[in-house]
Amino acid sequence: MMARVVKYPKQITLRLTEAQYKWVRSQARKRKVNESDIIRELIDRVMAEG
């Protein structure tokens, strides 16, 4: 059986201001998820809007 190549999820580097990072981190702690989950949720919301 051959290994399957997984293309997603992709990993990227983001540059946030200190205020942006503190906000993302605080949201993640409140919801007990990681920072990536918060960023993906924000992107999903914008994509859904059009």
PDB file of N, CA and C in Angstrom:
ATOM      1  N   MET A   1       0.845  -1.181   0.000  1.00  0.00           N
ATOM      2  CA  MET A   1       0.000   0.000   0.000  1.00  0.00           C
ATOM      3  C   MET A   1       0.893   1.248   0.000  1.00  0.00           C
ATOM      4  N   MET A   2       0.657   2.145  -0.936  1.00  0.00           N
ATOM      5  CA  MET A   2       1.480   3.355  -1.045  1.00  0.00           C
ATOM      6  C   MET A   2       0.946   4.449  -0.126  1.00  0.00           C
ATOM      7  N   ALA A   3       1.887   5.255   0.354  1.00  0.00           N
ATOM      8  CA  ALA A   3       1.487   6.392   1.193  1.00  0.00           C
ATOM      9  C   ALA A   3       0.780   7.430   0.334  1.00  0.00           C
ATOM     10  N   ARG A   4      -0.255   8.004   0.890  1.00  0.00           N
ATOM     11  CA  ARG A   4      -1.012   9.029   0.176  1.00  0.00           C
ATOM     12  C   ARG A   4      -0.402  10.398   0.458  1.00  0.00           C
ATOM     13  N   VAL A   5      -0.236  11.209  -0.558  1.00  0.00           N
ATOM     14  CA  VAL A   5       0.295  12.554  -0.380  1.00  0.00           C
ATOM     15  C   VAL A   5      -0.843  13.473   0.043  1.00  0.00           C
ATOM     16  N   VAL A   6      -0.669  14.139   1.158  1.00  0.00           N
ATOM     17  CA  VAL A   6      -1.689  15.045   1.671  1.00  0.00           C
ATOM     18  C   VAL A   6      -1.290  16.464   1.328  1.00  0.00           C
ATOM     19  N   LYS A   7      -2.138  17.149   0.566  1.00  0.00           N
ATOM     20  CA  LYS A   7      -1.826  18.505   0.144  1.00  0.00           C
ATOM     21  C   LYS A   7      -2.343  19.556   1.109  1.00  0.00           C
ATOM     22  N   TYR A   8      -3.378  19.217   1.861  1.00  0.00           N
ATOM     23  CA  TYR A   8      -3.976  20.180   2.776  1.00  0.00           C
ATOM     24  C   TYR A   8      -4.161  19.533   4.121  1.00  0.00           C
ATOM     25  N   PRO A   9      -4.092  20.217   5.228  1.00  0.00           N
ATOM     26  CA  PRO A   9      -3.995  21.667   5.331  1.00  0.00           C
ATOM     27  C   PRO A   9      -2.577  22.157   5.040  1.00  0.00           C
ATOM     28  N   LYS A  10      -2.531  23.308   4.439  1.00  0.00           N
ATOM     29  CA  LYS A  10      -1.251  23.962   4.162  1.00  0.00           C
ATOM     30  C   LYS A  10      -0.831  24.766   5.371  1.00  0.00           C
ATOM     31  N   GLN A  11       0.442  25.000   5.459  1.00  0.00           N
ATOM     32  CA  GLN A  11       0.979  25.784   6.559  1.00  0.00           C
ATOM     33  C   GLN A  11       1.538  27.081   5.998  1.00  0.00           C
ATOM     34  N   ILE A  12       1.197  28.203   6.637  1.00  0.00           N
ATOM     35  CA  ILE A  12       1.703  29.499   6.198  1.00  0.00           C
ATOM     36  C   ILE A  12       2.238  30.266   7.404  1.00  0.00           C
ATOM     37  N   THR A  13       2.962  31.316   7.118  1.00  0.00           N
ATOM     38  CA  THR A  13       3.447  32.210   8.160  1.00  0.00           C
ATOM     39  C   THR A  13       2.711  33.528   8.033  1.00  0.00           C
ATOM     40  N   LEU A  14       2.191  34.022   9.136  1.00  0.00           N
ATOM     41  CA  LEU A  14       1.493  35.311   9.151  1.00  0.00           C
ATOM     42  C   LEU A  14       2.292  36.296   9.989  1.00  0.00           C
ATOM     43  N   ARG A  15       2.290  37.527   9.560  1.00  0.00           N
ATOM     44  CA  ARG A  15       2.907  38.576  10.357  1.00  0.00           C
ATOM     45  C   ARG A  15       1.787  39.443  10.910  1.00  0.00           C
ATOM     46  N   LEU A  16       1.630  39.418  12.215  1.00  0.00           N
ATOM     47  CA  LEU A  16       0.586  40.176  12.881  1.00  0.00           C
ATOM     48  C   LEU A  16       1.218  41.274  13.723  1.00  0.00           C
ATOM     49  N   THR A  17       0.458  42.346  13.905  1.00  0.00           N
ATOM     50  CA  THR A  17       0.916  43.358  14.849  1.00  0.00           C
ATOM     51  C   THR A  17       0.779  42.769  16.252  1.00  0.00           C
ATOM     52  N   GLU A  18       1.387  43.418  17.207  1.00  0.00           N
ATOM     53  CA  GLU A  18       1.297  42.936  18.579  1.00  0.00           C
ATOM     54  C   GLU A  18      -0.152  42.903  19.046  1.00  0.00           C
ATOM     55  N   ALA A  19      -0.904  43.946  18.717  1.00  0.00           N
ATOM     56  CA  ALA A  19      -2.308  44.011  19.121  1.00  0.00           C
ATOM     57  C   ALA A  19      -3.121  42.891  18.466  1.00  0.00           C
ATOM     58  N   GLN A  20      -2.875  42.630  17.187  1.00  0.00           N
ATOM     59  CA  GLN A  20      -3.589  41.557  16.492  1.00  0.00           C
ATOM     60  C   GLN A  20      -3.293  40.205  17.131  1.00  0.00           C
ATOM     61  N   TYR A  21      -2.016  39.952  17.414  1.00  0.00           N
ATOM     62  CA  TYR A  21      -1.644  38.673  18.001  1.00  0.00           C
ATOM     63  C   TYR A  21      -2.253  38.502  19.393  1.00  0.00           C
ATOM     64  N   LYS A  22      -2.229  39.555  20.185  1.00  0.00           N
ATOM     65  CA  LYS A  22      -2.818  39.472  21.524  1.00  0.00           C
ATOM     66  C   LYS A  22      -4.309  39.173  21.444  1.00  0.00           C
ATOM     67  N   TRP A  23      -4.992  39.781  20.461  1.00  0.00           N
ATOM     68  CA  TRP A  23      -6.423  39.536  20.300  1.00  0.00           C
ATOM     69  C   TRP A  23      -6.674  38.082  19.890  1.00  0.00           C
ATOM     70  N   VAL A  24      -5.931  37.597  18.893  1.00  0.00           N
ATOM     71  CA  VAL A  24      -6.093  36.212  18.435  1.00  0.00           C
ATOM     72  C   VAL A  24      -5.813  35.249  19.583  1.00  0.00           C
ATOM     73  N   ARG A  25      -4.746  35.493  20.310  1.00  0.00           N
ATOM     74  CA  ARG A  25      -4.380  34.623  21.427  1.00  0.00           C
ATOM     75  C   ARG A  25      -5.456  34.627  22.519  1.00  0.00           C
ATOM     76  N   SER A  26      -6.006  35.817  22.827  1.00  0.00           N
ATOM     77  CA  SER A  26      -7.040  35.885  23.865  1.00  0.00           C
ATOM     78  C   SER A  26      -8.313  35.169  23.423  1.00  0.00           C
ATOM     79  N   GLN A  27      -8.678  35.308  22.139  1.00  0.00           N
ATOM     80  CA  GLN A  27      -9.854  34.594  21.628  1.00  0.00           C
ATOM     81  C   GLN A  27      -9.652  33.088  21.699  1.00  0.00           C
ATOM     82  N   ALA A  28      -8.458  32.635  21.350  1.00  0.00           N
ATOM     83  CA  ALA A  28      -8.152  31.206  21.389  1.00  0.00           C
ATOM     84  C   ALA A  28      -8.246  30.672  22.814  1.00  0.00           C
ATOM     85  N   ARG A  29      -7.739  31.424  23.763  1.00  0.00           N
ATOM     86  CA  ARG A  29      -7.801  30.986  25.164  1.00  0.00           C
ATOM     87  C   ARG A  29      -9.240  30.944  25.664  1.00  0.00           C
ATOM     88  N   LYS A  30     -10.029  31.958  25.314  1.00  0.00           N
ATOM     89  CA  LYS A  30     -11.424  31.992  25.748  1.00  0.00           C
ATOM     90  C   LYS A  30     -12.201  30.788  25.239  1.00  0.00           C
ATOM     91  N   ARG A  31     -11.949  30.437  23.977  1.00  0.00           N
ATOM     92  CA  ARG A  31     -12.697  29.341  23.344  1.00  0.00           C
ATOM     93  C   ARG A  31     -12.035  27.978  23.516  1.00  0.00           C
ATOM     94  N   LYS A  32     -10.850  27.990  24.134  1.00  0.00           N
ATOM     95  CA  LYS A  32     -10.077  26.756  24.362  1.00  0.00           C
ATOM     96  C   LYS A  32      -9.752  26.039  23.057  1.00  0.00           C
ATOM     97  N   VAL A  33      -9.283  26.822  22.084  1.00  0.00           N
ATOM     98  CA  VAL A  33      -8.811  26.285  20.804  1.00  0.00           C
ATOM     99  C   VAL A  33      -7.442  26.916  20.530  1.00  0.00           C
ATOM    100  N   ASN A  34      -6.818  26.547  19.416  1.00  0.00           N
ATOM    101  CA  ASN A  34      -5.537  27.179  19.121  1.00  0.00           C
ATOM    102  C   ASN A  34      -5.723  28.385  18.202  1.00  0.00           C
ATOM    103  N   GLU A  35      -4.657  29.148  18.047  1.00  0.00           N
ATOM    104  CA  GLU A  35      -4.725  30.379  17.259  1.00  0.00           C
ATOM    105  C   GLU A  35      -5.121  30.112  15.807  1.00  0.00           C
ATOM    106  N   SER A  36      -4.669  28.997  15.265  1.00  0.00           N
ATOM    107  CA  SER A  36      -5.005  28.654  13.879  1.00  0.00           C
ATOM    108  C   SER A  36      -6.507  28.514  13.677  1.00  0.00           C
ATOM    109  N   ASP A  37      -7.186  27.954  14.663  1.00  0.00           N
ATOM    110  CA  ASP A  37      -8.638  27.799  14.568  1.00  0.00           C
ATOM    111  C   ASP A  37      -9.329  29.153  14.468  1.00  0.00           C
ATOM    112  N   ILE A  38      -8.851  30.131  15.226  1.00  0.00           N
ATOM    113  CA  ILE A  38      -9.435  31.471  15.194  1.00  0.00           C
ATOM    114  C   ILE A  38      -9.219  32.100  13.818  1.00  0.00           C
ATOM    115  N   ILE A  39      -8.022  31.988  13.290  1.00  0.00           N
ATOM    116  CA  ILE A  39      -7.713  32.585  11.986  1.00  0.00           C
ATOM    117  C   ILE A  39      -8.512  31.916  10.881  1.00  0.00           C
ATOM    118  N   ARG A  40      -8.621  30.576  10.915  1.00  0.00           N
ATOM    119  CA  ARG A  40      -9.426  29.874   9.901  1.00  0.00           C
ATOM    120  C   ARG A  40     -10.884  30.300   9.975  1.00  0.00           C
ATOM    121  N   GLU A  41     -11.409  30.475  11.195  1.00  0.00           N
ATOM    122  CA  GLU A  41     -12.794  30.902  11.354  1.00  0.00           C
ATOM    123  C   GLU A  41     -13.016  32.285  10.739  1.00  0.00           C
ATOM    124  N   LEU A  42     -12.075  33.193  10.963  1.00  0.00           N
ATOM    125  CA  LEU A  42     -12.192  34.533  10.376  1.00  0.00           C
ATOM    126  C   LEU A  42     -12.189  34.475   8.845  1.00  0.00           C
ATOM    127  N   ILE A  43     -11.294  33.662   8.298  1.00  0.00           N
ATOM    128  CA  ILE A  43     -11.210  33.524   6.837  1.00  0.00           C
ATOM    129  C   ILE A  43     -12.499  32.909   6.289  1.00  0.00           C
ATOM    130  N   ASP A  44     -13.012  31.886   6.965  1.00  0.00           N
ATOM    131  CA  ASP A  44     -14.258  31.241   6.537  1.00  0.00           C
ATOM    132  C   ASP A  44     -15.420  32.232   6.521  1.00  0.00           C
ATOM    133  N   ARG A  45     -15.495  33.094   7.536  1.00  0.00           N
ATOM    134  CA  ARG A  45     -16.565  34.101   7.587  1.00  0.00           C
ATOM    135  C   ARG A  45     -16.484  35.061   6.395  1.00  0.00           C
ATOM    136  N   VAL A  46     -15.293  35.529   6.091  1.00  0.00           N
ATOM    137  CA  VAL A  46     -15.125  36.466   4.969  1.00  0.00           C
ATOM    138  C   VAL A  46     -15.452  35.770   3.652  1.00  0.00           C
ATOM    139  N   MET A  47     -15.015  34.514   3.498  1.00  0.00           N
ATOM    140  CA  MET A  47     -15.311  33.778   2.273  1.00  0.00           C
ATOM    141  C   MET A  47     -16.812  33.581   2.093  1.00  0.00           C
ATOM    142  N   ALA A  48     -17.526  33.334   3.166  1.00  0.00           N
ATOM    143  CA  ALA A  48     -18.975  33.111   3.110  1.00  0.00           C
ATOM    144  C   ALA A  48     -19.719  34.377   2.713  1.00  0.00           C
ATOM    145  N   GLU A  49     -19.160  35.528   3.054  1.00  0.00           N
ATOM    146  CA  GLU A  49     -19.792  36.799   2.706  1.00  0.00           C
ATOM    147  C   GLU A  49     -19.707  37.091   1.207  1.00  0.00           C
ATOM    148  N   GLY A  50     -18.754  36.469   0.548  1.00  0.00           N
ATOM    149  CA  GLY A  50     -18.708  36.683  -0.885  1.00  0.00           C
ATOM    150  C   GLY A  50     -17.393  37.058  -1.365  1.00  0.00           C
TER     151      GLY A  50
END
